[in-house]
Amino acid sequence: PEPWAVHLMRRAAAGAAWAAAAAYSLG
């Protein structure tokens, strides 16, 4: 999808947020 940079940042933000939630929930 265009603009691809914006979509890439949004998807990367979602990935980082889910990974943060996974690490925090373990602890």
PDB file of all heavy atoms in Angstrom:
ATOM      1  N   PRO A   1       0.834  -1.207   0.000  1.00  0.00           N
ATOM      2  CA  PRO A   1       0.000   0.000   0.000  1.00  0.00           C
ATOM      3  C   PRO A   1       0.866   1.254   0.000  1.00  0.00           C
ATOM      4  O   PRO A   1       1.986   1.257   0.480  1.00  0.00           O
ATOM      5  CB  PRO A   1      -0.795  -0.118   1.302  1.00  0.00           C
ATOM      6  CG  PRO A   1      -0.002  -1.034   2.172  1.00  0.00           C
ATOM      7  CD  PRO A   1       0.749  -1.948   1.251  1.00  0.00           C
ATOM      8  N   GLU A   2       0.312   2.302  -0.576  1.00  0.00           N
ATOM      9  CA  GLU A   2       1.004   3.589  -0.598  1.00  0.00           C
ATOM     10  C   GLU A   2       0.323   4.518   0.390  1.00  0.00           C
ATOM     11  O   GLU A   2      -0.886   4.454   0.564  1.00  0.00           O
ATOM     12  CB  GLU A   2       0.959   4.187  -2.007  1.00  0.00           C
ATOM     13  CG  GLU A   2       1.775   3.440  -3.014  1.00  0.00           C
ATOM     14  CD  GLU A   2       3.271   3.467  -2.744  1.00  0.00           C
ATOM     15  OE1 GLU A   2       3.761   4.449  -2.168  1.00  0.00           O
ATOM     16  OE2 GLU A   2       3.937   2.496  -3.113  1.00  0.00           O
ATOM     17  N   PRO A   3       0.978   5.384   1.040  1.00  0.00           N
ATOM     18  CA  PRO A   3       2.415   5.563   1.140  1.00  0.00           C
ATOM     19  C   PRO A   3       3.015   4.443   1.994  1.00  0.00           C
ATOM     20  O   PRO A   3       2.638   4.253   3.142  1.00  0.00           O
ATOM     21  CB  PRO A   3       2.574   6.931   1.795  1.00  0.00           C
ATOM     22  CG  PRO A   3       1.335   7.113   2.608  1.00  0.00           C
ATOM     23  CD  PRO A   3       0.252   6.363   1.877  1.00  0.00           C
ATOM     24  N   TRP A   4       3.934   3.725   1.432  1.00  0.00           N
ATOM     25  CA  TRP A   4       4.430   2.515   2.076  1.00  0.00           C
ATOM     26  C   TRP A   4       5.229   2.800   3.340  1.00  0.00           C
ATOM     27  O   TRP A   4       5.201   2.011   4.277  1.00  0.00           O
ATOM     28  CB  TRP A   4       5.258   1.676   1.107  1.00  0.00           C
ATOM     29  CG  TRP A   4       6.543   2.302   0.673  1.00  0.00           C
ATOM     30  CD1 TRP A   4       6.745   3.110  -0.396  1.00  0.00           C
ATOM     31  CD2 TRP A   4       7.795   2.178   1.329  1.00  0.00           C
ATOM     32  NE1 TRP A   4       8.049   3.505  -0.458  1.00  0.00           N
ATOM     33  CE2 TRP A   4       8.729   2.937   0.603  1.00  0.00           C
ATOM     34  CE3 TRP A   4       8.240   1.503   2.455  1.00  0.00           C
ATOM     35  CZ2 TRP A   4      10.059   3.045   0.964  1.00  0.00           C
ATOM     36  CZ3 TRP A   4       9.556   1.612   2.809  1.00  0.00           C
ATOM     37  CH2 TRP A   4      10.455   2.376   2.061  1.00  0.00           C
ATOM     38  N   ALA A   5       5.907   3.926   3.426  1.00  0.00           N
ATOM     39  CA  ALA A   5       6.710   4.230   4.620  1.00  0.00           C
ATOM     40  C   ALA A   5       5.823   4.395   5.855  1.00  0.00           C
ATOM     41  O   ALA A   5       6.154   3.930   6.946  1.00  0.00           O
ATOM     42  CB  ALA A   5       7.545   5.480   4.396  1.00  0.00           C
ATOM     43  N   VAL A   6       4.678   5.042   5.677  1.00  0.00           N
ATOM     44  CA  VAL A   6       3.754   5.234   6.794  1.00  0.00           C
ATOM     45  C   VAL A   6       3.191   3.891   7.251  1.00  0.00           C
ATOM     46  O   VAL A   6       3.132   3.605   8.451  1.00  0.00           O
ATOM     47  CB  VAL A   6       2.621   6.208   6.403  1.00  0.00           C
ATOM     48  CG1 VAL A   6       1.570   6.283   7.477  1.00  0.00           C
ATOM     49  CG2 VAL A   6       3.193   7.579   6.103  1.00  0.00           C
ATOM     50  N   HIS A   7       2.801   3.059   6.297  1.00  0.00           N
ATOM     51  CA  HIS A   7       2.278   1.730   6.647  1.00  0.00           C
ATOM     52  C   HIS A   7       3.345   0.876   7.324  1.00  0.00           C
ATOM     53  O   HIS A   7       3.052   0.132   8.253  1.00  0.00           O
ATOM     54  CB  HIS A   7       1.745   1.026   5.398  1.00  0.00           C
ATOM     55  CG  HIS A   7       0.483   1.618   4.886  1.00  0.00           C
ATOM     56  ND1 HIS A   7      -0.738   1.376   5.474  1.00  0.00           N
ATOM     57  CD2 HIS A   7       0.240   2.466   3.859  1.00  0.00           C
ATOM     58  CE1 HIS A   7      -1.671   2.029   4.827  1.00  0.00           C
ATOM     59  NE2 HIS A   7      -1.104   2.710   3.827  1.00  0.00           N
ATOM     60  N   LEU A   8       4.565   0.985   6.852  1.00  0.00           N
ATOM     61  CA  LEU A   8       5.667   0.234   7.452  1.00  0.00           C
ATOM     62  C   LEU A   8       5.883   0.659   8.902  1.00  0.00           C
ATOM     63  O   LEU A   8       6.035  -0.184   9.795  1.00  0.00           O
ATOM     64  CB  LEU A   8       6.950   0.431   6.646  1.00  0.00           C
ATOM     65  CG  LEU A   8       8.192  -0.284   7.170  1.00  0.00           C
ATOM     66  CD1 LEU A   8       8.005  -1.786   7.095  1.00  0.00           C
ATOM     67  CD2 LEU A   8       9.409   0.135   6.376  1.00  0.00           C
ATOM     68  N   MET A   9       5.875   1.974   9.160  1.00  0.00           N
ATOM     69  CA  MET A   9       6.062   2.452  10.530  1.00  0.00           C
ATOM     70  C   MET A   9       4.907   2.025  11.430  1.00  0.00           C
ATOM     71  O   MET A   9       5.124   1.647  12.587  1.00  0.00           O
ATOM     72  CB  MET A   9       6.222   3.968  10.552  1.00  0.00           C
ATOM     73  CG  MET A   9       7.591   4.420  10.097  1.00  0.00           C
ATOM     74  SD  MET A   9       7.920   6.158  10.440  1.00  0.00           S
ATOM     75  CE  MET A   9       6.905   6.953   9.209  1.00  0.00           C
ATOM     76  N   ARG A  10       3.680   2.065  10.919  1.00  0.00           N
ATOM     77  CA  ARG A  10       2.534   1.642  11.729  1.00  0.00           C
ATOM     78  C   ARG A  10       2.607   0.159  12.057  1.00  0.00           C
ATOM     79  O   ARG A  10       2.334  -0.250  13.183  1.00  0.00           O
ATOM     80  CB  ARG A  10       1.234   1.951  10.996  1.00  0.00           C
ATOM     81  CG  ARG A  10       0.896   3.402  11.002  1.00  0.00           C
ATOM     82  CD  ARG A  10      -0.418   3.659  10.327  1.00  0.00           C
ATOM     83  NE  ARG A  10      -0.674   5.087  10.256  1.00  0.00           N
ATOM     84  CZ  ARG A  10      -1.416   5.667   9.341  1.00  0.00           C
ATOM     85  NH1 ARG A  10      -2.001   4.943   8.406  1.00  0.00           N
ATOM     86  NH2 ARG A  10      -1.591   6.968   9.355  1.00  0.00           N
ATOM     87  N   ARG A  11       2.978  -0.645  11.080  1.00  0.00           N
ATOM     88  CA  ARG A  11       3.075  -2.093  11.310  1.00  0.00           C
ATOM     89  C   ARG A  11       4.228  -2.413  12.249  1.00  0.00           C
ATOM     90  O   ARG A  11       4.111  -3.290  13.105  1.00  0.00           O
ATOM     91  CB  ARG A  11       3.235  -2.827   9.987  1.00  0.00           C
ATOM     92  CG  ARG A  11       1.974  -2.771   9.158  1.00  0.00           C
ATOM     93  CD  ARG A  11       2.144  -3.437   7.829  1.00  0.00           C
ATOM     94  NE  ARG A  11       0.924  -3.308   7.031  1.00  0.00           N
ATOM     95  CZ  ARG A  11       0.732  -3.919   5.894  1.00  0.00           C
ATOM     96  NH1 ARG A  11       1.672  -4.694   5.381  1.00  0.00           N
ATOM     97  NH2 ARG A  11      -0.396  -3.765   5.238  1.00  0.00           N
ATOM     98  N   ALA A  12       5.329  -1.711  12.111  1.00  0.00           N
ATOM     99  CA  ALA A  12       6.467  -1.917  13.016  1.00  0.00           C
ATOM    100  C   ALA A  12       6.109  -1.470  14.434  1.00  0.00           C
ATOM    101  O   ALA A  12       6.515  -2.117  15.414  1.00  0.00           O
ATOM    102  CB  ALA A  12       7.695  -1.179  12.514  1.00  0.00           C
ATOM    103  N   ALA A  13       5.343  -0.397  14.554  1.00  0.00           N
ATOM    104  CA  ALA A  13       4.895   0.061  15.876  1.00  0.00           C
ATOM    105  C   ALA A  13       4.003  -0.987  16.527  1.00  0.00           C
ATOM    106  O   ALA A  13       4.136  -1.265  17.731  1.00  0.00           O
ATOM    107  CB  ALA A  13       4.158   1.391  15.751  1.00  0.00           C
ATOM    108  N   ALA A  14       3.116  -1.579  15.752  1.00  0.00           N
ATOM    109  CA  ALA A  14       2.248  -2.625  16.301  1.00  0.00           C
ATOM    110  C   ALA A  14       3.068  -3.839  16.735  1.00  0.00           C
ATOM    111  O   ALA A  14       2.829  -4.411  17.810  1.00  0.00           O
ATOM    112  CB  ALA A  14       1.200  -3.042  15.267  1.00  0.00           C
ATOM    113  N   GLY A  15       4.048  -4.210  15.932  1.00  0.00           N
ATOM    114  CA  GLY A  15       4.908  -5.338  16.290  1.00  0.00           C
ATOM    115  C   GLY A  15       5.693  -5.078  17.563  1.00  0.00           C
ATOM    116  O   GLY A  15       5.805  -5.942  18.440  1.00  0.00           O
ATOM    117  N   ALA A  16       6.241  -3.869  17.688  1.00  0.00           N
ATOM    118  CA  ALA A  16       7.003  -3.515  18.883  1.00  0.00           C
ATOM    119  C   ALA A  16       6.100  -3.462  20.116  1.00  0.00           C
ATOM    120  O   ALA A  16       6.495  -3.890  21.200  1.00  0.00           O
ATOM    121  CB  ALA A  16       7.706  -2.178  18.681  1.00  0.00           C
ATOM    122  N   ALA A  17       4.891  -2.967  19.953  1.00  0.00           N
ATOM    123  CA  ALA A  17       3.955  -2.907  21.078  1.00  0.00           C
ATOM    124  C   ALA A  17       3.569  -4.310  21.549  1.00  0.00           C
ATOM    125  O   ALA A  17       3.526  -4.579  22.754  1.00  0.00           O
ATOM    126  CB  ALA A  17       2.706  -2.117  20.689  1.00  0.00           C
ATOM    127  N   TRP A  18       3.285  -5.201  20.617  1.00  0.00           N
ATOM    128  CA  TRP A  18       2.951  -6.582  20.989  1.00  0.00           C
ATOM    129  C   TRP A  18       4.142  -7.270  21.643  1.00  0.00           C
ATOM    130  O   TRP A  18       3.981  -8.021  22.617  1.00  0.00           O
ATOM    131  CB  TRP A  18       2.491  -7.373  19.779  1.00  0.00           C
ATOM    132  CG  TRP A  18       1.060  -7.141  19.425  1.00  0.00           C
ATOM    133  CD1 TRP A  18       0.580  -6.451  18.351  1.00  0.00           C
ATOM    134  CD2 TRP A  18      -0.094  -7.592  20.141  1.00  0.00           C
ATOM    135  NE1 TRP A  18      -0.788  -6.435  18.366  1.00  0.00           N
ATOM    136  CE2 TRP A  18      -1.228  -7.134  19.450  1.00  0.00           C
ATOM    137  CE3 TRP A  18      -0.270  -8.317  21.306  1.00  0.00           C
ATOM    138  CZ2 TRP A  18      -2.527  -7.400  19.889  1.00  0.00           C
ATOM    139  CZ3 TRP A  18      -1.564  -8.582  21.743  1.00  0.00           C
ATOM    140  CH2 TRP A  18      -2.672  -8.122  21.035  1.00  0.00           C
ATOM    141  N   ALA A  19       5.329  -7.046  21.138  1.00  0.00           N
ATOM    142  CA  ALA A  19       6.525  -7.656  21.732  1.00  0.00           C
ATOM    143  C   ALA A  19       6.769  -7.099  23.137  1.00  0.00           C
ATOM    144  O   ALA A  19       7.157  -7.851  24.047  1.00  0.00           O
ATOM    145  CB  ALA A  19       7.738  -7.422  20.841  1.00  0.00           C
ATOM    146  N   ALA A  20       6.540  -5.809  23.339  1.00  0.00           N
ATOM    147  CA  ALA A  20       6.676  -5.221  24.675  1.00  0.00           C
ATOM    148  C   ALA A  20       5.663  -5.839  25.637  1.00  0.00           C
ATOM    149  O   ALA A  20       5.998  -6.147  26.786  1.00  0.00           O
ATOM    150  CB  ALA A  20       6.482  -3.708  24.609  1.00  0.00           C
ATOM    151  N   ALA A  21       4.449  -6.027  25.164  1.00  0.00           N
ATOM    152  CA  ALA A  21       3.428  -6.652  26.005  1.00  0.00           C
ATOM    153  C   ALA A  21       3.795  -8.090  26.348  1.00  0.00           C
ATOM    154  O   ALA A  21       3.569  -8.546  27.472  1.00  0.00           O
ATOM    155  CB  ALA A  21       2.068  -6.602  25.300  1.00  0.00           C
ATOM    156  N   ALA A  22       4.382  -8.813  25.406  1.00  0.00           N
ATOM    157  CA  ALA A  22       4.788 -10.200  25.666  1.00  0.00           C
ATOM    158  C   ALA A  22       5.896 -10.253  26.712  1.00  0.00           C
ATOM    159  O   ALA A  22       5.835 -11.060  27.651  1.00  0.00           O
ATOM    160  CB  ALA A  22       5.251 -10.867  24.374  1.00  0.00           C
ATOM    161  N   ALA A  23       6.898  -9.404  26.585  1.00  0.00           N
ATOM    162  CA  ALA A  23       8.005  -9.395  27.548  1.00  0.00           C
ATOM    163  C   ALA A  23       7.524  -8.964  28.930  1.00  0.00           C
ATOM    164  O   ALA A  23       7.888  -9.566  29.944  1.00  0.00           O
ATOM    165  CB  ALA A  23       9.118  -8.467  27.066  1.00  0.00           C
ATOM    166  N   TYR A  24       6.676  -7.940  28.976  1.00  0.00           N
ATOM    167  CA  TYR A  24       6.176  -7.469  30.267  1.00  0.00           C
ATOM    168  C   TYR A  24       5.278  -8.507  30.931  1.00  0.00           C
ATOM    169  O   TYR A  24       5.357  -8.724  32.138  1.00  0.00           O
ATOM    170  CB  TYR A  24       5.427  -6.146  30.118  1.00  0.00           C
ATOM    171  CG  TYR A  24       4.947  -5.624  31.447  1.00  0.00           C
ATOM    172  CD1 TYR A  24       5.833  -4.982  32.301  1.00  0.00           C
ATOM    173  CD2 TYR A  24       3.643  -5.815  31.865  1.00  0.00           C
ATOM    174  CE1 TYR A  24       5.422  -4.531  33.538  1.00  0.00           C
ATOM    175  CE2 TYR A  24       3.221  -5.373  33.106  1.00  0.00           C
ATOM    176  CZ  TYR A  24       4.106  -4.738  33.939  1.00  0.00           C
ATOM    177  OH  TYR A  24       3.702  -4.297  35.173  1.00  0.00           O
ATOM    178  N   SER A  25       4.430  -9.168  30.156  1.00  0.00           N
ATOM    179  CA  SER A  25       3.529 -10.142  30.761  1.00  0.00           C
ATOM    180  C   SER A  25       4.280 -11.339  31.327  1.00  0.00           C
ATOM    181  O   SER A  25       3.868 -11.905  32.339  1.00  0.00           O
ATOM    182  CB  SER A  25       2.456 -10.589  29.763  1.00  0.00           C
ATOM    183  OG  SER A  25       3.024 -11.317  28.703  1.00  0.00           O
ATOM    184  N   LEU A  26       5.395 -11.719  30.696  1.00  0.00           N
ATOM    185  CA  LEU A  26       6.227 -12.782  31.275  1.00  0.00           C
ATOM    186  C   LEU A  26       6.692 -12.394  32.669  1.00  0.00           C
ATOM    187  O   LEU A  26       6.580 -13.185  33.617  1.00  0.00           O
ATOM    188  CB  LEU A  26       7.449 -13.039  30.394  1.00  0.00           C
ATOM    189  CG  LEU A  26       7.325 -14.052  29.282  1.00  0.00           C
ATOM    190  CD1 LEU A  26       8.609 -14.072  28.458  1.00  0.00           C
ATOM    191  CD2 LEU A  26       7.015 -15.414  29.801  1.00  0.00           C
ATOM    192  N   GLY A  27       7.216 -11.197  32.808  1.00  0.00           N
ATOM    193  CA  GLY A  27       7.689 -10.736  34.106  1.00  0.00           C
ATOM    194  C   GLY A  27       6.571 -10.493  35.095  1.00  0.00           C
ATOM    195  O   GLY A  27       6.694 -10.811  36.283  1.00  0.00           O
TER     196      GLY A  27
END
